[in-house]
Amino acid sequence: MSKKTKLFEHEVMQDKASVIAYLKELIKGLEKGKITLADSKEKISLAPPELMQLSLKGKRNNKGEELRFRLTWKHARSEKAPSLKVDSADD
């Protein structure tokens, strides 16, 4: 019973002030527990929990510099486990 993966991707050149504004909105979303990403083609809402994996990577070479950050988390299972019955009575 797998669900289809929904993916949002958006890449564009932005000035520093715009990038800072986006990052501030991401922080607000993290604090509220809901982040919505949208453009003219796609929209996705994410629900970050209290515990997340944070990955930061920085790189510099003669072509330029790069900063990557990634937040990942798993959803708590909301499905009930199958019930188990143990009976020691003889039939």
PDB file of N, CA and C in Angstrom:
ATOM      1  N   MET A   1       0.833  -1.160   0.000  1.00  0.00           N
ATOM      2  CA  MET A   1       0.000   0.000   0.000  1.00  0.00           C
ATOM      3  C   MET A   1       0.895   1.246   0.000  1.00  0.00           C
ATOM      4  N   SER A   2       1.535   1.533  -1.110  1.00  0.00           N
ATOM      5  CA  SER A   2       2.415   2.693  -1.187  1.00  0.00           C
ATOM      6  C   SER A   2       1.693   3.870  -1.820  1.00  0.00           C
ATOM      7  N   LYS A   3       2.029   5.056  -1.340  1.00  0.00           N
ATOM      8  CA  LYS A   3       1.444   6.265  -1.891  1.00  0.00           C
ATOM      9  C   LYS A   3       2.406   6.855  -2.902  1.00  0.00           C
ATOM     10  N   LYS A   4       1.867   7.535  -3.898  1.00  0.00           N
ATOM     11  CA  LYS A   4       2.685   8.163  -4.916  1.00  0.00           C
ATOM     12  C   LYS A   4       3.475   9.318  -4.302  1.00  0.00           C
ATOM     13  N   THR A   5       4.740   9.425  -4.657  1.00  0.00           N
ATOM     14  CA  THR A   5       5.586  10.502  -4.170  1.00  0.00           C
ATOM     15  C   THR A   5       5.246  11.790  -4.898  1.00  0.00           C
ATOM     16  N   LYS A   6       5.064  12.856  -4.145  1.00  0.00           N
ATOM     17  CA  LYS A   6       4.805  14.169  -4.730  1.00  0.00           C
ATOM     18  C   LYS A   6       6.085  14.980  -4.582  1.00  0.00           C
ATOM     19  N   LEU A   7       6.517  15.598  -5.678  1.00  0.00           N
ATOM     20  CA  LEU A   7       7.785  16.319  -5.705  1.00  0.00           C
ATOM     21  C   LEU A   7       7.564  17.747  -6.151  1.00  0.00           C
ATOM     22  N   PHE A   8       8.172  18.686  -5.455  1.00  0.00           N
ATOM     23  CA  PHE A   8       8.157  20.095  -5.842  1.00  0.00           C
ATOM     24  C   PHE A   8       9.597  20.518  -6.080  1.00  0.00           C
ATOM     25  N   GLU A   9       9.869  21.095  -7.233  1.00  0.00           N
ATOM     26  CA  GLU A   9      11.204  21.604  -7.544  1.00  0.00           C
ATOM     27  C   GLU A   9      11.065  22.978  -8.161  1.00  0.00           C
ATOM     28  N   HIS A  10      11.895  23.893  -7.715  1.00  0.00           N
ATOM     29  CA  HIS A  10      11.886  25.246  -8.247  1.00  0.00           C
ATOM     30  C   HIS A  10      13.311  25.783  -8.117  1.00  0.00           C
ATOM     31  N   GLU A  11      13.889  26.197  -9.214  1.00  0.00           N
ATOM     32  CA  GLU A  11      15.251  26.718  -9.194  1.00  0.00           C
ATOM     33  C   GLU A  11      15.294  27.997 -10.015  1.00  0.00           C
ATOM     34  N   VAL A  12      15.804  29.070  -9.412  1.00  0.00           N
ATOM     35  CA  VAL A  12      15.849  30.359 -10.085  1.00  0.00           C
ATOM     36  C   VAL A  12      16.934  31.214  -9.431  1.00  0.00           C
ATOM     37  N   MET A  13      17.532  32.106 -10.194  1.00  0.00           N
ATOM     38  CA  MET A  13      18.512  33.039  -9.660  1.00  0.00           C
ATOM     39  C   MET A  13      17.761  34.130  -8.899  1.00  0.00           C
ATOM     40  N   GLN A  14      18.190  34.421  -7.666  1.00  0.00           N
ATOM     41  CA  GLN A  14      17.549  35.430  -6.824  1.00  0.00           C
ATOM     42  C   GLN A  14      18.608  36.321  -6.188  1.00  0.00           C
ATOM     43  N   ASP A  15      18.229  37.556  -5.880  1.00  0.00           N
ATOM     44  CA  ASP A  15      19.148  38.423  -5.143  1.00  0.00           C
ATOM     45  C   ASP A  15      19.150  38.001  -3.671  1.00  0.00           C
ATOM     46  N   LYS A  16      20.187  38.437  -2.939  1.00  0.00           N
ATOM     47  CA  LYS A  16      20.364  38.007  -1.554  1.00  0.00           C
ATOM     48  C   LYS A  16      19.146  38.338  -0.683  1.00  0.00           C
ATOM     49  N   ALA A  17      18.564  39.538  -0.848  1.00  0.00           N
ATOM     50  CA  ALA A  17      17.399  39.924  -0.045  1.00  0.00           C
ATOM     51  C   ALA A  17      16.223  38.969  -0.258  1.00  0.00           C
ATOM     52  N   SER A  18      15.998  38.548  -1.491  1.00  0.00           N
ATOM     53  CA  SER A  18      14.910  37.603  -1.779  1.00  0.00           C
ATOM     54  C   SER A  18      15.175  36.241  -1.149  1.00  0.00           C
ATOM     55  N   VAL A  19      16.420  35.785  -1.221  1.00  0.00           N
ATOM     56  CA  VAL A  19      16.785  34.496  -0.612  1.00  0.00           C
ATOM     57  C   VAL A  19      16.555  34.563   0.893  1.00  0.00           C
ATOM     58  N   ILE A  20      16.965  35.661   1.517  1.00  0.00           N
ATOM     59  CA  ILE A  20      16.770  35.831   2.960  1.00  0.00           C
ATOM     60  C   ILE A  20      15.282  35.810   3.295  1.00  0.00           C
ATOM     61  N   ALA A  21      14.459  36.459   2.489  1.00  0.00           N
ATOM     62  CA  ALA A  21      13.011  36.465   2.716  1.00  0.00           C
ATOM     63  C   ALA A  21      12.437  35.050   2.641  1.00  0.00           C
ATOM     64  N   TYR A  22      12.879  34.255   1.660  1.00  0.00           N
ATOM     65  CA  TYR A  22      12.427  32.861   1.559  1.00  0.00           C
ATOM     66  C   TYR A  22      12.845  32.060   2.785  1.00  0.00           C
ATOM     67  N   LEU A  23      14.088  32.239   3.210  1.00  0.00           N
ATOM     68  CA  LEU A  23      14.577  31.500   4.384  1.00  0.00           C
ATOM     69  C   LEU A  23      13.795  31.877   5.642  1.00  0.00           C
ATOM     70  N   LYS A  24      13.454  33.147   5.782  1.00  0.00           N
ATOM     71  CA  LYS A  24      12.650  33.578   6.932  1.00  0.00           C
ATOM     72  C   LYS A  24      11.267  32.928   6.905  1.00  0.00           C
ATOM     73  N   GLU A  25      10.678  32.820   5.723  1.00  0.00           N
ATOM     74  CA  GLU A  25       9.374  32.158   5.605  1.00  0.00           C
ATOM     75  C   GLU A  25       9.487  30.673   5.942  1.00  0.00           C
ATOM     76  N   LEU A  26      10.585  30.046   5.536  1.00  0.00           N
ATOM     77  CA  LEU A  26      10.800  28.643   5.904  1.00  0.00           C
ATOM     78  C   LEU A  26      10.890  28.497   7.420  1.00  0.00           C
ATOM     79  N   ILE A  27      11.575  29.408   8.075  1.00  0.00           N
ATOM     80  CA  ILE A  27      11.691  29.369   9.539  1.00  0.00           C
ATOM     81  C   ILE A  27      10.306  29.500  10.181  1.00  0.00           C
ATOM     82  N   LYS A  28       9.495  30.430   9.690  1.00  0.00           N
ATOM     83  CA  LYS A  28       8.134  30.587  10.216  1.00  0.00           C
ATOM     84  C   LYS A  28       7.339  29.296  10.046  1.00  0.00           C
ATOM     85  N   GLY A  29       7.479  28.660   8.876  1.00  0.00           N
ATOM     86  CA  GLY A  29       6.784  27.403   8.622  1.00  0.00           C
ATOM     87  C   GLY A  29       7.248  26.294   9.550  1.00  0.00           C
ATOM     88  N   LEU A  30       8.549  26.225   9.802  1.00  0.00           N
ATOM     89  CA  LEU A  30       9.075  25.230  10.740  1.00  0.00           C
ATOM     90  C   LEU A  30       8.497  25.455  12.129  1.00  0.00           C
ATOM     91  N   GLU A  31       8.435  26.703  12.544  1.00  0.00           N
ATOM     92  CA  GLU A  31       7.892  27.025  13.870  1.00  0.00           C
ATOM     93  C   GLU A  31       6.415  26.653  13.977  1.00  0.00           C
ATOM     94  N   LYS A  32       5.660  26.861  12.903  1.00  0.00           N
ATOM     95  CA  LYS A  32       4.221  26.556  12.897  1.00  0.00           C
ATOM     96  C   LYS A  32       3.943  25.071  12.657  1.00  0.00           C
ATOM     97  N   GLY A  33       4.903  24.355  12.068  1.00  0.00           N
ATOM     98  CA  GLY A  33       4.686  22.944  11.757  1.00  0.00           C
ATOM     99  C   GLY A  33       4.036  22.711  10.411  1.00  0.00           C
ATOM    100  N   LYS A  34       4.043  23.729   9.537  1.00  0.00           N
ATOM    101  CA  LYS A  34       3.491  23.556   8.194  1.00  0.00           C
ATOM    102  C   LYS A  34       4.230  24.477   7.233  1.00  0.00           C
ATOM    103  N   ILE A  35       4.740  23.888   6.152  1.00  0.00           N
ATOM    104  CA  ILE A  35       5.428  24.635   5.100  1.00  0.00           C
ATOM    105  C   ILE A  35       4.723  24.330   3.787  1.00  0.00           C
ATOM    106  N   THR A  36       4.340  25.373   3.069  1.00  0.00           N
ATOM    107  CA  THR A  36       3.727  25.208   1.757  1.00  0.00           C
ATOM    108  C   THR A  36       4.654  25.817   0.715  1.00  0.00           C
ATOM    109  N   LEU A  37       4.993  25.023  -0.282  1.00  0.00           N
ATOM    110  CA  LEU A  37       5.818  25.471  -1.399  1.00  0.00           C
ATOM    111  C   LEU A  37       4.931  25.508  -2.629  1.00  0.00           C
ATOM    112  N   ALA A  38       4.957  26.627  -3.354  1.00  0.00           N
ATOM    113  CA  ALA A  38       4.070  26.749  -4.518  1.00  0.00           C
ATOM    114  C   ALA A  38       4.684  27.668  -5.555  1.00  0.00           C
ATOM    115  N   ASP A  39       4.405  27.353  -6.808  1.00  0.00           N
ATOM    116  CA  ASP A  39       4.692  28.251  -7.922  1.00  0.00           C
ATOM    117  C   ASP A  39       3.497  28.151  -8.869  1.00  0.00           C
ATOM    118  N   SER A  40       3.629  28.645 -10.073  1.00  0.00           N
ATOM    119  CA  SER A  40       2.483  28.644 -10.990  1.00  0.00           C
ATOM    120  C   SER A  40       2.104  27.245 -11.480  1.00  0.00           C
ATOM    121  N   LYS A  41       2.988  26.271 -11.288  1.00  0.00           N
ATOM    122  CA  LYS A  41       2.727  24.922 -11.794  1.00  0.00           C
ATOM    123  C   LYS A  41       2.411  23.894 -10.714  1.00  0.00           C
ATOM    124  N   GLU A  42       3.020  24.033  -9.537  1.00  0.00           N
ATOM    125  CA  GLU A  42       2.925  23.002  -8.514  1.00  0.00           C
ATOM    126  C   GLU A  42       2.698  23.598  -7.141  1.00  0.00           C
ATOM    127  N   LYS A  43       2.216  22.734  -6.230  1.00  0.00           N
ATOM    128  CA  LYS A  43       2.046  23.133  -4.839  1.00  0.00           C
ATOM    129  C   LYS A  43       2.181  21.885  -3.976  1.00  0.00           C
ATOM    130  N   ILE A  44       2.877  22.031  -2.855  1.00  0.00           N
ATOM    131  CA  ILE A  44       3.012  20.928  -1.917  1.00  0.00           C
ATOM    132  C   ILE A  44       3.043  21.498  -0.507  1.00  0.00           C
ATOM    133  N   SER A  45       2.377  20.822   0.418  1.00  0.00           N
ATOM    134  CA  SER A  45       2.406  21.206   1.826  1.00  0.00           C
ATOM    135  C   SER A  45       3.115  20.114   2.607  1.00  0.00           C
ATOM    136  N   LEU A  46       4.001  20.532   3.486  1.00  0.00           N
ATOM    137  CA  LEU A  46       4.784  19.615   4.307  1.00  0.00           C
ATOM    138  C   LEU A  46       4.516  19.911   5.775  1.00  0.00           C
ATOM    139  N   ALA A  47       4.598  18.882   6.617  1.00  0.00           N
ATOM    140  CA  ALA A  47       4.342  19.029   8.043  1.00  0.00           C
ATOM    141  C   ALA A  47       5.568  18.569   8.831  1.00  0.00           C
ATOM    142  N   PRO A  48       6.533  19.458   9.029  1.00  0.00           N
ATOM    143  CA  PRO A  48       7.740  19.064   9.758  1.00  0.00           C
ATOM    144  C   PRO A  48       7.451  18.823  11.247  1.00  0.00           C
ATOM    145  N   PRO A  49       7.914  17.704  11.782  1.00  0.00           N
ATOM    146  CA  PRO A  49       7.688  17.387  13.192  1.00  0.00           C
ATOM    147  C   PRO A  49       8.746  18.054  14.082  1.00  0.00           C
ATOM    148  N   GLU A  50       8.727  17.726  15.345  1.00  0.00           N
ATOM    149  CA  GLU A  50       9.686  18.284  16.294  1.00  0.00           C
ATOM    150  C   GLU A  50      11.103  17.747  16.075  1.00  0.00           C
ATOM    151  N   LEU A  51      11.231  16.527  15.595  1.00  0.00           N
ATOM    152  CA  LEU A  51      12.543  15.899  15.416  1.00  0.00           C
ATOM    153  C   LEU A  51      12.824  15.706  13.927  1.00  0.00           C
ATOM    154  N   MET A  52      13.933  16.307  13.454  1.00  0.00           N
ATOM    155  CA  MET A  52      14.292  16.240  12.035  1.00  0.00           C
ATOM    156  C   MET A  52      15.791  15.988  11.905  1.00  0.00           C
ATOM    157  N   GLN A  53      16.191  15.474  10.770  1.00  0.00           N
ATOM    158  CA  GLN A  53      17.605  15.294  10.434  1.00  0.00           C
ATOM    159  C   GLN A  53      18.054  16.525   9.659  1.00  0.00           C
ATOM    160  N   LEU A  54      19.121  17.175  10.089  1.00  0.00           N
ATOM    161  CA  LEU A  54      19.659  18.352   9.414  1.00  0.00           C
ATOM    162  C   LEU A  54      21.000  18.005   8.806  1.00  0.00           C
ATOM    163  N   SER A  55      21.175  18.326   7.538  1.00  0.00           N
ATOM    164  CA  SER A  55      22.436  18.101   6.836  1.00  0.00           C
ATOM    165  C   SER A  55      22.886  19.421   6.218  1.00  0.00           C
ATOM    166  N   LEU A  56      24.099  19.849   6.510  1.00  0.00           N
ATOM    167  CA  LEU A  56      24.679  21.065   5.939  1.00  0.00           C
ATOM    168  C   LEU A  56      25.952  20.702   5.195  1.00  0.00           C
ATOM    169  N   LYS A  57      26.120  21.265   4.002  1.00  0.00           N
ATOM    170  CA  LYS A  57      27.327  21.020   3.214  1.00  0.00           C
ATOM    171  C   LYS A  57      27.764  22.324   2.569  1.00  0.00           C
ATOM    172  N   GLY A  58      29.032  22.626   2.665  1.00  0.00           N
ATOM    173  CA  GLY A  58      29.593  23.794   2.004  1.00  0.00           C
ATOM    174  C   GLY A  58      30.724  23.354   1.092  1.00  0.00           C
ATOM    175  N   LYS A  59      30.876  24.060  -0.040  1.00  0.00           N
ATOM    176  CA  LYS A  59      31.892  23.673  -1.017  1.00  0.00           C
ATOM    177  C   LYS A  59      32.428  24.942  -1.682  1.00  0.00           C
ATOM    178  N   ARG A  60      33.741  24.956  -1.885  1.00  0.00           N
ATOM    179  CA  ARG A  60      34.364  26.078  -2.595  1.00  0.00           C
ATOM    180  C   ARG A  60      35.427  25.524  -3.522  1.00  0.00           C
ATOM    181  N   ASN A  61      35.408  26.000  -4.758  1.00  0.00           N
ATOM    182  CA  ASN A  61      36.460  25.658  -5.719  1.00  0.00           C
ATOM    183  C   ASN A  61      36.660  26.850  -6.649  1.00  0.00           C
ATOM    184  N   ASN A  62      37.466  26.694  -7.715  1.00  0.00           N
ATOM    185  CA  ASN A  62      37.729  27.841  -8.596  1.00  0.00           C
ATOM    186  C   ASN A  62      36.526  28.229  -9.453  1.00  0.00           C
ATOM    187  N   LYS A  63      35.505  27.395  -9.542  1.00  0.00           N
ATOM    188  CA  LYS A  63      34.302  27.730 -10.307  1.00  0.00           C
ATOM    189  C   LYS A  63      33.312  28.547  -9.478  1.00  0.00           C
ATOM    190  N   GLY A  64      33.347  28.388  -8.166  1.00  0.00           N
ATOM    191  CA  GLY A  64      32.394  29.112  -7.318  1.00  0.00           C
ATOM    192  C   GLY A  64      32.243  28.449  -5.967  1.00  0.00           C
ATOM    193  N   GLU A  65      31.187  28.834  -5.285  1.00  0.00           N
ATOM    194  CA  GLU A  65      30.900  28.299  -3.958  1.00  0.00           C
ATOM    195  C   GLU A  65      29.474  27.761  -3.917  1.00  0.00           C
ATOM    196  N   GLU A  66      29.245  26.874  -2.953  1.00  0.00           N
ATOM    197  CA  GLU A  66      27.934  26.244  -2.851  1.00  0.00           C
ATOM    198  C   GLU A  66      27.626  25.960  -1.388  1.00  0.00           C
ATOM    199  N   LEU A  67      26.399  26.192  -1.011  1.00  0.00           N
ATOM    200  CA  LEU A  67      25.902  25.844   0.315  1.00  0.00           C
ATOM    201  C   LEU A  67      24.635  25.029   0.119  1.00  0.00           C
ATOM    202  N   ARG A  68      24.611  23.856   0.710  1.00  0.00           N
ATOM    203  CA  ARG A  68      23.427  22.995   0.632  1.00  0.00           C
ATOM    204  C   ARG A  68      22.958  22.693   2.035  1.00  0.00           C
ATOM    205  N   PHE A  69      21.664  22.734   2.215  1.00  0.00           N
ATOM    206  CA  PHE A  69      21.110  22.236   3.468  1.00  0.00           C
ATOM    207  C   PHE A  69      19.884  21.408   3.148  1.00  0.00           C
ATOM    208  N   ARG A  70      19.690  20.402   3.983  1.00  0.00           N
ATOM    209  CA  ARG A  70      18.587  19.471   3.761  1.00  0.00           C
ATOM    210  C   ARG A  70      17.980  19.109   5.110  1.00  0.00           C
ATOM    211  N   LEU A  71      16.679  19.153   5.168  1.00  0.00           N
ATOM    212  CA  LEU A  71      15.940  18.682   6.332  1.00  0.00           C
ATOM    213  C   LEU A  71      15.143  17.462   5.898  1.00  0.00           C
ATOM    214  N   THR A  72      15.230  16.403   6.660  1.00  0.00           N
ATOM    215  CA  THR A  72      14.445  15.204   6.359  1.00  0.00           C
ATOM    216  C   THR A  72      13.794  14.711   7.642  1.00  0.00           C
ATOM    217  N   TRP A  73      12.658  14.037   7.480  1.00  0.00           N
ATOM    218  CA  TRP A  73      11.975  13.455   8.625  1.00  0.00           C
ATOM    219  C   TRP A  73      11.082  12.340   8.148  1.00  0.00           C
ATOM    220  N   LYS A  74      10.685  11.521   9.074  1.00  0.00           N
ATOM    221  CA  LYS A  74       9.775  10.423   8.781  1.00  0.00           C
ATOM    222  C   LYS A  74       8.442  10.716   9.445  1.00  0.00           C
ATOM    223  N   HIS A  75       7.385  10.246   8.812  1.00  0.00           N
ATOM    224  CA  HIS A  75       6.058  10.399   9.383  1.00  0.00           C
ATOM    225  C   HIS A  75       5.824   9.305  10.412  1.00  0.00           C
ATOM    226  N   ALA A  76       5.165   9.660  11.484  1.00  0.00           N
ATOM    227  CA  ALA A  76       4.777   8.648  12.466  1.00  0.00           C
ATOM    228  C   ALA A  76       3.696   7.780  11.830  1.00  0.00           C
ATOM    229  N   ARG A  77       3.779   6.519  12.060  1.00  0.00           N
ATOM    230  CA  ARG A  77       2.773   5.610  11.491  1.00  0.00           C
ATOM    231  C   ARG A  77       1.446   5.817  12.194  1.00  0.00           C
ATOM    232  N   SER A  78       0.438   6.080  11.414  1.00  0.00           N
ATOM    233  CA  SER A  78      -0.884   6.279  11.986  1.00  0.00           C
ATOM    234  C   SER A  78      -1.749   5.019  11.838  1.00  0.00           C
ATOM    235  N   GLU A  79      -1.211   4.035  11.128  1.00  0.00           N
ATOM    236  CA  GLU A  79      -1.958   2.797  10.946  1.00  0.00           C
ATOM    237  C   GLU A  79      -1.891   1.973  12.225  1.00  0.00           C
ATOM    238  N   LYS A  80      -2.995   1.319  12.545  1.00  0.00           N
ATOM    239  CA  LYS A  80      -2.997   0.430  13.699  1.00  0.00           C
ATOM    240  C   LYS A  80      -2.304  -0.872  13.321  1.00  0.00           C
ATOM    241  N   ALA A  81      -1.530  -1.365  14.259  1.00  0.00           N
ATOM    242  CA  ALA A  81      -0.891  -2.658  14.037  1.00  0.00           C
ATOM    243  C   ALA A  81      -1.976  -3.732  14.071  1.00  0.00           C
ATOM    244  N   PRO A  82      -1.809  -4.791  13.291  1.00  0.00           N
ATOM    245  CA  PRO A  82      -2.796  -5.868  13.331  1.00  0.00           C
ATOM    246  C   PRO A  82      -2.915  -6.412  14.753  1.00  0.00           C
ATOM    247  N   SER A  83      -4.128  -6.703  15.151  1.00  0.00           N
ATOM    248  CA  SER A  83      -4.316  -7.205  16.512  1.00  0.00           C
ATOM    249  C   SER A  83      -3.755  -8.617  16.632  1.00  0.00           C
ATOM    250  N   LEU A  84      -3.268  -8.911  17.810  1.00  0.00           N
ATOM    251  CA  LEU A  84      -2.681 -10.227  18.098  1.00  0.00           C
ATOM    252  C   LEU A  84      -3.495 -10.875  19.193  1.00  0.00           C
ATOM    253  N   LYS A  85      -3.820 -12.112  18.979  1.00  0.00           N
ATOM    254  CA  LYS A  85      -4.559 -12.854  19.999  1.00  0.00           C
ATOM    255  C   LYS A  85      -3.722 -14.055  20.412  1.00  0.00           C
ATOM    256  N   VAL A  86      -3.509 -14.193  21.689  1.00  0.00           N
ATOM    257  CA  VAL A  86      -2.773 -15.330  22.229  1.00  0.00           C
ATOM    258  C   VAL A  86      -3.724 -16.054  23.168  1.00  0.00           C
ATOM    259  N   ASP A  87      -3.875 -17.349  22.940  1.00  0.00           N
ATOM    260  CA  ASP A  87      -4.815 -18.121  23.755  1.00  0.00           C
ATOM    261  C   ASP A  87      -4.150 -19.416  24.132  1.00  0.00           C
ATOM    262  N   SER A  88      -4.153 -19.731  25.401  1.00  0.00           N
ATOM    263  CA  SER A  88      -3.531 -20.978  25.845  1.00  0.00           C
ATOM    264  C   SER A  88      -4.571 -22.072  26.126  1.00  0.00           C
ATOM    265  N   ALA A  89      -5.837 -21.785  25.890  1.00  0.00           N
ATOM    266  CA  ALA A  89      -6.889 -22.770  26.144  1.00  0.00           C
ATOM    267  C   ALA A  89      -6.866 -23.839  25.068  1.00  0.00           C
ATOM    268  N   ASP A  90      -7.100 -25.085  25.479  1.00  0.00           N
ATOM    269  CA  ASP A  90      -7.198 -26.185  24.529  1.00  0.00           C
ATOM    270  C   ASP A  90      -8.586 -26.207  23.906  1.00  0.00           C
ATOM    271  N   ASP A  91      -8.662 -26.495  22.634  1.00  0.00           N
ATOM    272  CA  ASP A  91      -9.977 -26.597  21.966  1.00  0.00           C
ATOM    273  C   ASP A  91     -10.522 -27.969  22.039  1.00  0.00           C
TER     274      ASP A  91
END
